[in-house]
Amino acid sequence: MAKKTQARALVLLLLSLLLFLTLLETTEARRGRHARHTHHARRTHHAHRTHRTRRGGIAVYWGQDGNFNGNEGNLTALCATGRFTYVNIAFLDVFGNGQTPQLGLATQHCNPATNGCTIFSGQIRYCQRKRIKVMLSIGGLVGDYTLASKADAKNVSLYLWNNYLGGWSSNRPFGAAVLDGIDFYIEQGSPLYWDDLARYLHSYSKRGKKKVYLSAAPRCVYPDFLLGNALKTGFFDFVWIQYYDNACEYVGGNTTTDLLNSWAVWTKSVKARMFFVGLVALPRPPDTDVIPSGFIPVDVLTSQVLPVVKKSRKYGGVMLWNLFYDEEDGYSTGILSSVR
């Protein structure tokens, strides 16, 4: 009887050992498949990120049709082209120091005084559904804007929040559309309090349902006199450096040294998510319009500039001033055709 009990116990032990080995082998096989899948997923994700970084996006300014002839078209047409990733509506060019803020859109687009700009509400949301970020650009070459104090910066930020971002106002210029953020295109006045405005705007990301993005268009000579302190806050997501009408612009003769040296300084010195090469999109004056200097032919841009700037992990793409010029010359199409 004892021998039968011992034999039965031995058989059970062997069966248990066999079952354990089978389970161990199955587990190891699953781990191997999971590891291979994870490695493949990481490689695919890395390849996707590399491709996106290499290609970059195109930002464009809209709202300043130089000849007031409507060539820019509306925002729906702009975003339907598939060429652009960011749109800066230009400009809110009257604000600060107790003034009533005013949009300075070219007159053929809309009349803000009669609430005519609410026609763009649906168009803005159309762009956003296509994953295009739409920003309100404040400042500009002409206009009447300034910040008189820290309190003034807070008041301006509150106006922007309630009228263009996630806040509430009974008289929103673009109706119910909630813009993605604010762009600083500051070309005049004092460098004071723009950093305070950036801090206040950044703080609104915690209030609403969506992040408030901040962008800036400093001139290429570092540091920018007007926006230098604001950029030191580290709150800016996109910095499109102006390589036109500036000392480090392209001047012909395939001389891109100053531009590339400037790019290296900016990307190393400023804390921002992404940097863009800001370009003028037209080489010649249409009719009587005045075109900024520094135009870079597409072949020079794609052969001498982009291969260098794309080496930066912070490369985001190019910025074009502006859509009106781009429609005249097809500059963005030329860029996209060259980098595909």
Protein backbone atom coordinates (compact mmCIF):
# COMPACT_ATOMS: atom_id res chain seq x y z
CA MET A 1 0.00 0.00 0.00
CA ALA A 2 2.85 2.34 0.88
CA LYS A 3 4.55 1.61 -2.45
CA LYS A 4 1.34 2.46 -4.37
CA THR A 5 1.04 5.75 -2.47
CA GLN A 6 4.67 6.64 -3.22
CA ALA A 7 4.20 5.81 -6.89
CA ARG A 8 1.07 7.94 -7.09
CA ALA A 9 2.87 10.84 -5.43
CA LEU A 10 5.78 10.53 -7.88
CA VAL A 11 3.38 10.58 -10.84
CA LEU A 12 1.66 13.71 -9.50
CA LEU A 13 5.03 15.36 -8.96
CA LEU A 14 6.09 14.62 -12.53
CA LEU A 15 2.78 15.91 -13.91
CA SER A 16 3.12 19.11 -11.86
CA LEU A 17 6.68 19.62 -13.12
CA LEU A 18 5.56 19.06 -16.71
CA LEU A 19 2.71 21.54 -16.30
CA PHE A 20 5.09 24.13 -14.79
CA LEU A 21 7.55 23.77 -17.68
CA THR A 22 4.74 24.15 -20.22
CA LEU A 23 3.43 27.32 -18.54
CA LEU A 24 6.97 28.73 -18.34
CA GLU A 25 7.58 28.10 -22.03
CA THR A 26 4.25 29.78 -22.97
CA THR A 27 5.02 32.84 -20.82
CA GLU A 28 8.47 33.29 -22.35
CA ALA A 29 7.02 33.03 -25.83
CA ARG A 30 4.47 35.72 -25.05
CA ARG A 31 7.19 37.96 -23.62
CA GLY A 32 9.24 37.53 -26.77
CA ARG A 33 6.30 38.45 -28.99
CA HIS A 34 5.49 41.47 -26.78
CA ALA A 35 9.11 42.64 -26.84
CA ARG A 36 9.24 42.36 -30.64
CA HIS A 37 5.93 44.22 -30.95
CA THR A 38 7.08 46.96 -28.56
CA HIS A 39 10.39 47.35 -30.37
CA HIS A 40 8.59 47.58 -33.70
CA ALA A 41 6.13 50.12 -32.30
CA ARG A 42 8.96 52.23 -30.88
CA ARG A 43 10.82 52.13 -34.19
CA THR A 44 7.64 53.09 -36.06
CA HIS A 45 6.91 55.93 -33.61
CA HIS A 46 10.49 57.15 -33.83
CA ALA A 47 10.39 57.03 -37.61
CA HIS A 48 7.13 59.01 -37.58
CA ARG A 49 8.60 61.66 -35.30
CA THR A 50 11.75 61.86 -37.40
CA HIS A 51 9.69 62.32 -40.56
CA ARG A 52 7.54 65.02 -38.96
CA THR A 53 10.59 66.87 -37.68
CA ARG A 54 12.36 66.58 -41.03
CA ARG A 55 9.39 67.87 -42.99
CA GLY A 56 8.13 70.57 -40.65
CA GLY A 57 5.00 72.65 -41.12
CA ILE A 58 4.20 76.03 -42.65
CA ALA A 59 2.79 78.95 -40.68
CA VAL A 60 1.26 81.89 -42.52
CA TYR A 61 -0.08 85.35 -41.71
CA TRP A 62 -3.55 86.19 -43.02
CA GLY A 63 -5.52 89.42 -42.92
CA GLN A 64 -3.12 91.94 -44.48
CA ASP A 65 -3.92 91.83 -48.20
CA GLY A 66 -1.44 94.38 -49.47
CA ASN A 67 -3.50 95.71 -52.37
CA PHE A 68 -6.92 95.38 -50.74
CA ASN A 69 -8.19 93.38 -53.69
CA GLY A 70 -9.34 90.24 -51.89
CA ASN A 71 -6.67 87.91 -53.29
CA GLU A 72 -6.18 86.33 -49.88
CA GLY A 73 -9.62 84.76 -49.89
CA ASN A 74 -11.23 83.52 -46.71
CA LEU A 75 -10.01 81.17 -43.99
CA THR A 76 -11.92 78.18 -45.33
CA ALA A 77 -10.15 78.45 -48.67
CA LEU A 78 -6.79 78.92 -46.93
CA CYS A 79 -7.16 75.84 -44.74
CA ALA A 80 -8.62 73.71 -47.53
CA THR A 81 -5.34 73.96 -49.47
CA GLY A 82 -3.64 71.56 -47.06
CA ARG A 83 -0.46 73.62 -47.24
CA PHE A 84 -0.54 75.25 -43.82
CA THR A 85 -0.34 74.03 -40.23
CA TYR A 86 -0.63 77.38 -38.43
CA VAL A 87 -2.59 80.52 -39.30
CA ASN A 88 -1.93 83.89 -37.66
CA ILE A 89 -4.85 86.31 -38.05
CA ALA A 90 -3.24 89.76 -38.33
CA PHE A 91 -3.63 92.05 -36.48
CA LEU A 92 -5.18 93.28 -33.28
CA ASP A 93 -3.26 96.54 -33.68
CA VAL A 94 -4.98 98.89 -31.20
CA PHE A 95 -4.88 97.97 -27.52
CA GLY A 96 -3.36 98.85 -24.17
CA ASN A 97 -3.10 102.05 -22.11
CA GLY A 98 -6.87 102.24 -21.66
CA GLN A 99 -7.71 102.10 -25.38
CA THR A 100 -10.62 100.12 -26.79
CA PRO A 101 -8.97 97.20 -28.65
CA GLN A 102 -9.54 97.11 -32.40
CA LEU A 103 -8.91 94.58 -35.15
CA GLY A 104 -6.89 95.90 -38.07
CA LEU A 105 -7.95 93.40 -40.72
CA ALA A 106 -7.79 94.67 -44.27
CA THR A 107 -11.17 96.19 -45.15
CA GLN A 108 -12.16 93.59 -47.74
CA HIS A 109 -12.30 90.86 -45.08
CA CYS A 110 -14.79 92.29 -42.60
CA ASN A 111 -15.82 95.36 -40.64
CA PRO A 112 -15.26 94.78 -36.91
CA ALA A 113 -17.22 97.92 -36.01
CA THR A 114 -20.47 96.32 -37.25
CA ASN A 115 -19.70 92.82 -35.92
CA GLY A 116 -18.96 91.79 -39.48
CA CYS A 117 -16.04 89.57 -38.48
CA THR A 118 -18.32 86.99 -36.89
CA ILE A 119 -18.60 85.50 -40.39
CA PHE A 120 -15.24 83.87 -39.68
CA SER A 121 -16.46 81.90 -36.67
CA GLY A 122 -17.38 78.81 -38.67
CA GLN A 123 -14.31 79.19 -40.87
CA ILE A 124 -12.00 79.22 -37.86
CA ARG A 125 -13.60 76.06 -36.53
CA TYR A 126 -13.29 74.45 -39.96
CA CYS A 127 -9.54 75.08 -39.86
CA GLN A 128 -9.30 73.70 -36.33
CA ARG A 129 -11.14 70.52 -37.34
CA LYS A 130 -8.37 70.05 -39.89
CA ARG A 131 -5.88 70.28 -36.99
CA ILE A 132 -4.67 73.71 -38.03
CA LYS A 133 -3.92 76.03 -35.13
CA VAL A 134 -5.46 79.48 -35.54
CA MET A 135 -3.83 82.30 -33.55
CA LEU A 136 -4.67 85.97 -33.11
CA SER A 137 -1.61 88.07 -33.85
CA ILE A 138 -1.28 91.26 -31.81
CA GLY A 139 0.88 94.22 -32.81
CA GLY A 140 2.06 94.79 -36.37
CA LEU A 141 4.07 97.39 -38.23
CA VAL A 142 1.42 100.09 -37.85
CA GLY A 143 -1.25 100.73 -35.26
CA ASP A 144 -1.48 102.13 -31.78
CA TYR A 145 -0.56 99.62 -29.11
CA THR A 146 1.43 99.68 -25.91
CA LEU A 147 1.45 98.29 -22.39
CA ALA A 148 1.64 100.99 -19.76
CA SER A 149 2.04 98.81 -16.67
CA LYS A 150 1.75 95.31 -15.26
CA ALA A 151 -1.88 96.04 -14.45
CA ASP A 152 -2.40 97.14 -18.05
CA ALA A 153 -0.91 93.85 -19.26
CA LYS A 154 -3.36 91.99 -17.02
CA ASN A 155 -6.30 93.97 -18.43
CA VAL A 156 -5.22 93.24 -22.00
CA SER A 157 -4.81 89.55 -21.21
CA LEU A 158 -8.30 89.45 -19.72
CA TYR A 159 -9.72 91.12 -22.83
CA LEU A 160 -8.00 88.58 -25.08
CA TRP A 161 -9.20 85.69 -22.91
CA ASN A 162 -12.84 86.81 -22.90
CA ASN A 163 -13.06 87.94 -26.51
CA TYR A 164 -10.87 85.51 -28.46
CA LEU A 165 -9.95 82.59 -26.20
CA GLY A 166 -11.87 80.46 -23.72
CA GLY A 167 -13.59 83.20 -21.73
CA TRP A 168 -16.96 84.85 -22.27
CA SER A 169 -18.07 88.16 -23.73
CA SER A 170 -21.34 89.27 -25.31
CA ASN A 171 -19.43 90.91 -28.16
CA ARG A 172 -16.79 88.44 -29.33
CA PRO A 173 -15.35 89.68 -32.69
CA PHE A 174 -15.16 86.14 -34.13
CA GLY A 175 -18.32 84.92 -32.47
CA ALA A 176 -18.26 81.58 -30.65
CA ALA A 177 -14.97 80.43 -32.21
CA VAL A 178 -12.24 79.86 -29.61
CA LEU A 179 -8.80 80.61 -31.03
CA ASP A 180 -5.83 78.43 -30.15
CA GLY A 181 -3.64 81.19 -28.82
CA ILE A 182 -1.99 84.59 -29.17
CA ASP A 183 0.89 85.57 -31.42
CA PHE A 184 3.22 88.44 -30.47
CA TYR A 185 4.24 90.45 -33.56
CA ILE A 186 5.58 93.47 -31.68
CA GLU A 187 7.29 96.04 -33.92
CA GLN A 188 7.05 99.31 -32.01
CA GLY A 189 7.03 100.94 -28.60
CA SER A 190 8.65 99.80 -25.37
CA PRO A 191 9.96 96.34 -24.41
CA LEU A 192 8.27 96.65 -21.00
CA TYR A 193 5.46 94.42 -19.74
CA TRP A 194 5.28 92.01 -22.69
CA ASP A 195 6.67 89.37 -20.36
CA ASP A 196 3.81 90.09 -17.94
CA LEU A 197 1.30 89.70 -20.75
CA ALA A 198 2.86 86.33 -21.64
CA ARG A 199 2.62 85.16 -18.02
CA TYR A 200 -1.02 86.16 -17.69
CA LEU A 201 -1.97 84.51 -20.99
CA HIS A 202 -0.06 81.36 -20.07
CA SER A 203 -1.98 81.16 -16.79
CA TYR A 204 -5.30 80.92 -18.66
CA SER A 205 -4.36 77.44 -19.89
CA LYS A 206 -5.37 76.24 -16.43
CA ARG A 207 -8.80 77.90 -16.64
CA GLY A 208 -10.24 76.61 -19.87
CA LYS A 209 -10.76 73.30 -21.60
CA LYS A 210 -7.83 73.81 -23.99
CA LYS A 211 -4.27 75.04 -23.81
CA VAL A 212 -3.55 78.66 -24.70
CA TYR A 213 -0.64 78.56 -27.15
CA LEU A 214 1.79 81.45 -27.38
CA SER A 215 3.89 82.35 -30.39
CA ALA A 216 6.20 85.23 -31.26
CA ALA A 217 7.84 86.72 -34.32
CA PRO A 218 11.09 88.34 -33.13
CA ARG A 219 13.56 89.92 -35.49
CA CYS A 220 16.52 87.72 -36.28
CA VAL A 221 19.20 89.72 -34.45
CA TYR A 222 19.47 88.14 -30.99
CA PRO A 223 18.20 89.20 -28.54
CA ASP A 224 15.13 90.92 -29.90
CA PHE A 225 14.89 94.36 -28.28
CA LEU A 226 11.12 94.35 -27.86
CA LEU A 227 10.39 90.66 -27.19
CA GLY A 228 13.59 89.59 -25.44
CA ASN A 229 12.16 89.69 -21.92
CA ALA A 230 8.92 88.00 -22.94
CA LEU A 231 10.80 85.12 -24.57
CA LYS A 232 12.84 84.63 -21.40
CA THR A 233 9.66 83.47 -19.63
CA GLY A 234 9.91 80.14 -21.46
CA PHE A 235 6.15 80.14 -22.08
CA PHE A 236 6.28 80.37 -25.87
CA ASP A 237 5.42 77.31 -27.94
CA PHE A 238 6.32 78.64 -31.38
CA VAL A 239 8.95 81.21 -32.34
CA TRP A 240 8.97 82.24 -36.00
CA ILE A 241 12.13 84.26 -36.44
CA GLN A 242 11.87 87.08 -38.99
CA TYR A 243 14.55 86.61 -41.63
CA TYR A 244 13.30 89.54 -43.69
CA ASP A 245 13.87 93.28 -43.34
CA ASN A 246 16.65 92.46 -40.89
CA ALA A 247 20.43 92.49 -40.69
CA CYS A 248 20.80 88.69 -40.90
CA GLU A 249 18.48 88.19 -43.88
CA TYR A 250 19.49 86.55 -47.15
CA VAL A 251 21.02 89.15 -49.46
CA GLY A 252 21.57 87.16 -52.63
CA GLY A 253 24.70 85.57 -53.97
CA ASN A 254 23.88 82.39 -52.05
CA THR A 255 25.05 83.99 -48.81
CA THR A 256 23.20 82.30 -45.96
CA THR A 257 25.92 82.50 -43.29
CA ASP A 258 24.33 85.28 -41.23
CA LEU A 259 20.97 83.56 -41.28
CA LEU A 260 22.34 80.20 -40.16
CA ASN A 261 24.49 81.76 -37.45
CA SER A 262 21.44 83.58 -36.14
CA TRP A 263 19.40 80.36 -36.15
CA ALA A 264 22.05 78.57 -34.10
CA VAL A 265 22.04 81.32 -31.48
CA TRP A 266 18.25 81.47 -31.19
CA THR A 267 17.71 77.73 -30.88
CA LYS A 268 20.42 77.41 -28.22
CA SER A 269 19.54 80.52 -26.22
CA VAL A 270 15.75 80.57 -26.03
CA LYS A 271 13.52 78.06 -24.31
CA ALA A 272 10.66 77.35 -26.70
CA ARG A 273 8.95 74.27 -28.08
CA MET A 274 9.64 74.88 -31.77
CA PHE A 275 11.41 77.39 -33.99
CA PHE A 276 10.49 78.41 -37.54
CA VAL A 277 12.40 80.18 -40.30
CA GLY A 278 10.36 83.32 -41.02
CA LEU A 279 10.39 84.25 -44.71
CA VAL A 280 8.84 86.78 -47.04
CA ALA A 281 6.91 84.90 -49.72
CA LEU A 282 7.35 87.22 -52.73
CA PRO A 283 10.46 88.57 -54.47
CA ARG A 284 8.92 91.43 -56.43
CA PRO A 285 6.40 94.24 -55.73
CA PRO A 286 2.89 93.61 -57.08
CA ASP A 287 1.66 96.94 -58.42
CA THR A 288 2.53 99.55 -55.78
CA ASP A 289 2.89 97.29 -52.76
CA VAL A 290 6.11 97.43 -50.73
CA ILE A 291 7.65 93.99 -50.23
CA PRO A 292 10.04 93.32 -47.34
CA SER A 293 13.60 92.51 -48.35
CA GLY A 294 15.34 89.19 -47.82
CA PHE A 295 13.46 86.89 -50.22
CA ILE A 296 15.14 83.47 -50.51
CA PRO A 297 14.57 81.55 -53.76
CA VAL A 298 13.10 78.11 -53.17
CA ASP A 299 16.16 76.31 -54.58
CA VAL A 300 18.49 78.18 -52.20
CA LEU A 301 16.14 77.61 -49.26
CA THR A 302 15.84 73.87 -49.85
CA SER A 303 19.50 73.27 -50.70
CA GLN A 304 21.34 75.56 -48.28
CA VAL A 305 19.04 76.58 -45.43
CA LEU A 306 16.60 73.80 -44.62
CA PRO A 307 19.16 70.95 -44.55
CA VAL A 308 21.04 72.85 -41.82
CA VAL A 309 18.16 74.14 -39.69
CA LYS A 310 16.43 70.73 -39.75
CA LYS A 311 19.30 69.30 -37.73
CA SER A 312 17.87 71.08 -34.71
CA ARG A 313 15.45 69.00 -32.64
CA LYS A 314 13.47 72.22 -32.20
CA TYR A 315 12.91 72.74 -35.93
CA GLY A 316 9.20 73.29 -36.58
CA GLY A 317 9.10 74.49 -40.18
CA VAL A 318 8.86 77.85 -41.93
CA MET A 319 6.69 80.92 -41.44
CA LEU A 320 5.53 82.98 -44.39
CA TRP A 321 4.72 86.66 -44.52
CA ASN A 322 2.07 86.60 -45.85
CA LEU A 323 -0.76 84.70 -47.59
CA PHE A 324 -1.37 87.51 -50.07
CA TYR A 325 2.24 87.31 -51.25
CA ASP A 326 2.18 83.52 -51.25
CA GLU A 327 -0.90 83.45 -53.49
CA GLU A 328 0.89 85.75 -55.93
CA ASP A 329 4.01 83.61 -56.18
CA GLY A 330 3.11 80.05 -55.04
CA TYR A 331 6.05 80.03 -52.64
CA SER A 332 4.59 77.52 -50.18
CA THR A 333 3.76 75.13 -53.02
CA GLY A 334 7.36 75.35 -54.20
CA ILE A 335 8.66 74.56 -50.72
CA LEU A 336 6.37 71.55 -50.27
CA SER A 337 7.21 70.22 -53.73
CA SER A 338 10.93 70.42 -52.99
CA VAL A 339 10.87 68.62 -49.63
CA ARG A 340 8.62 65.69 -50.54
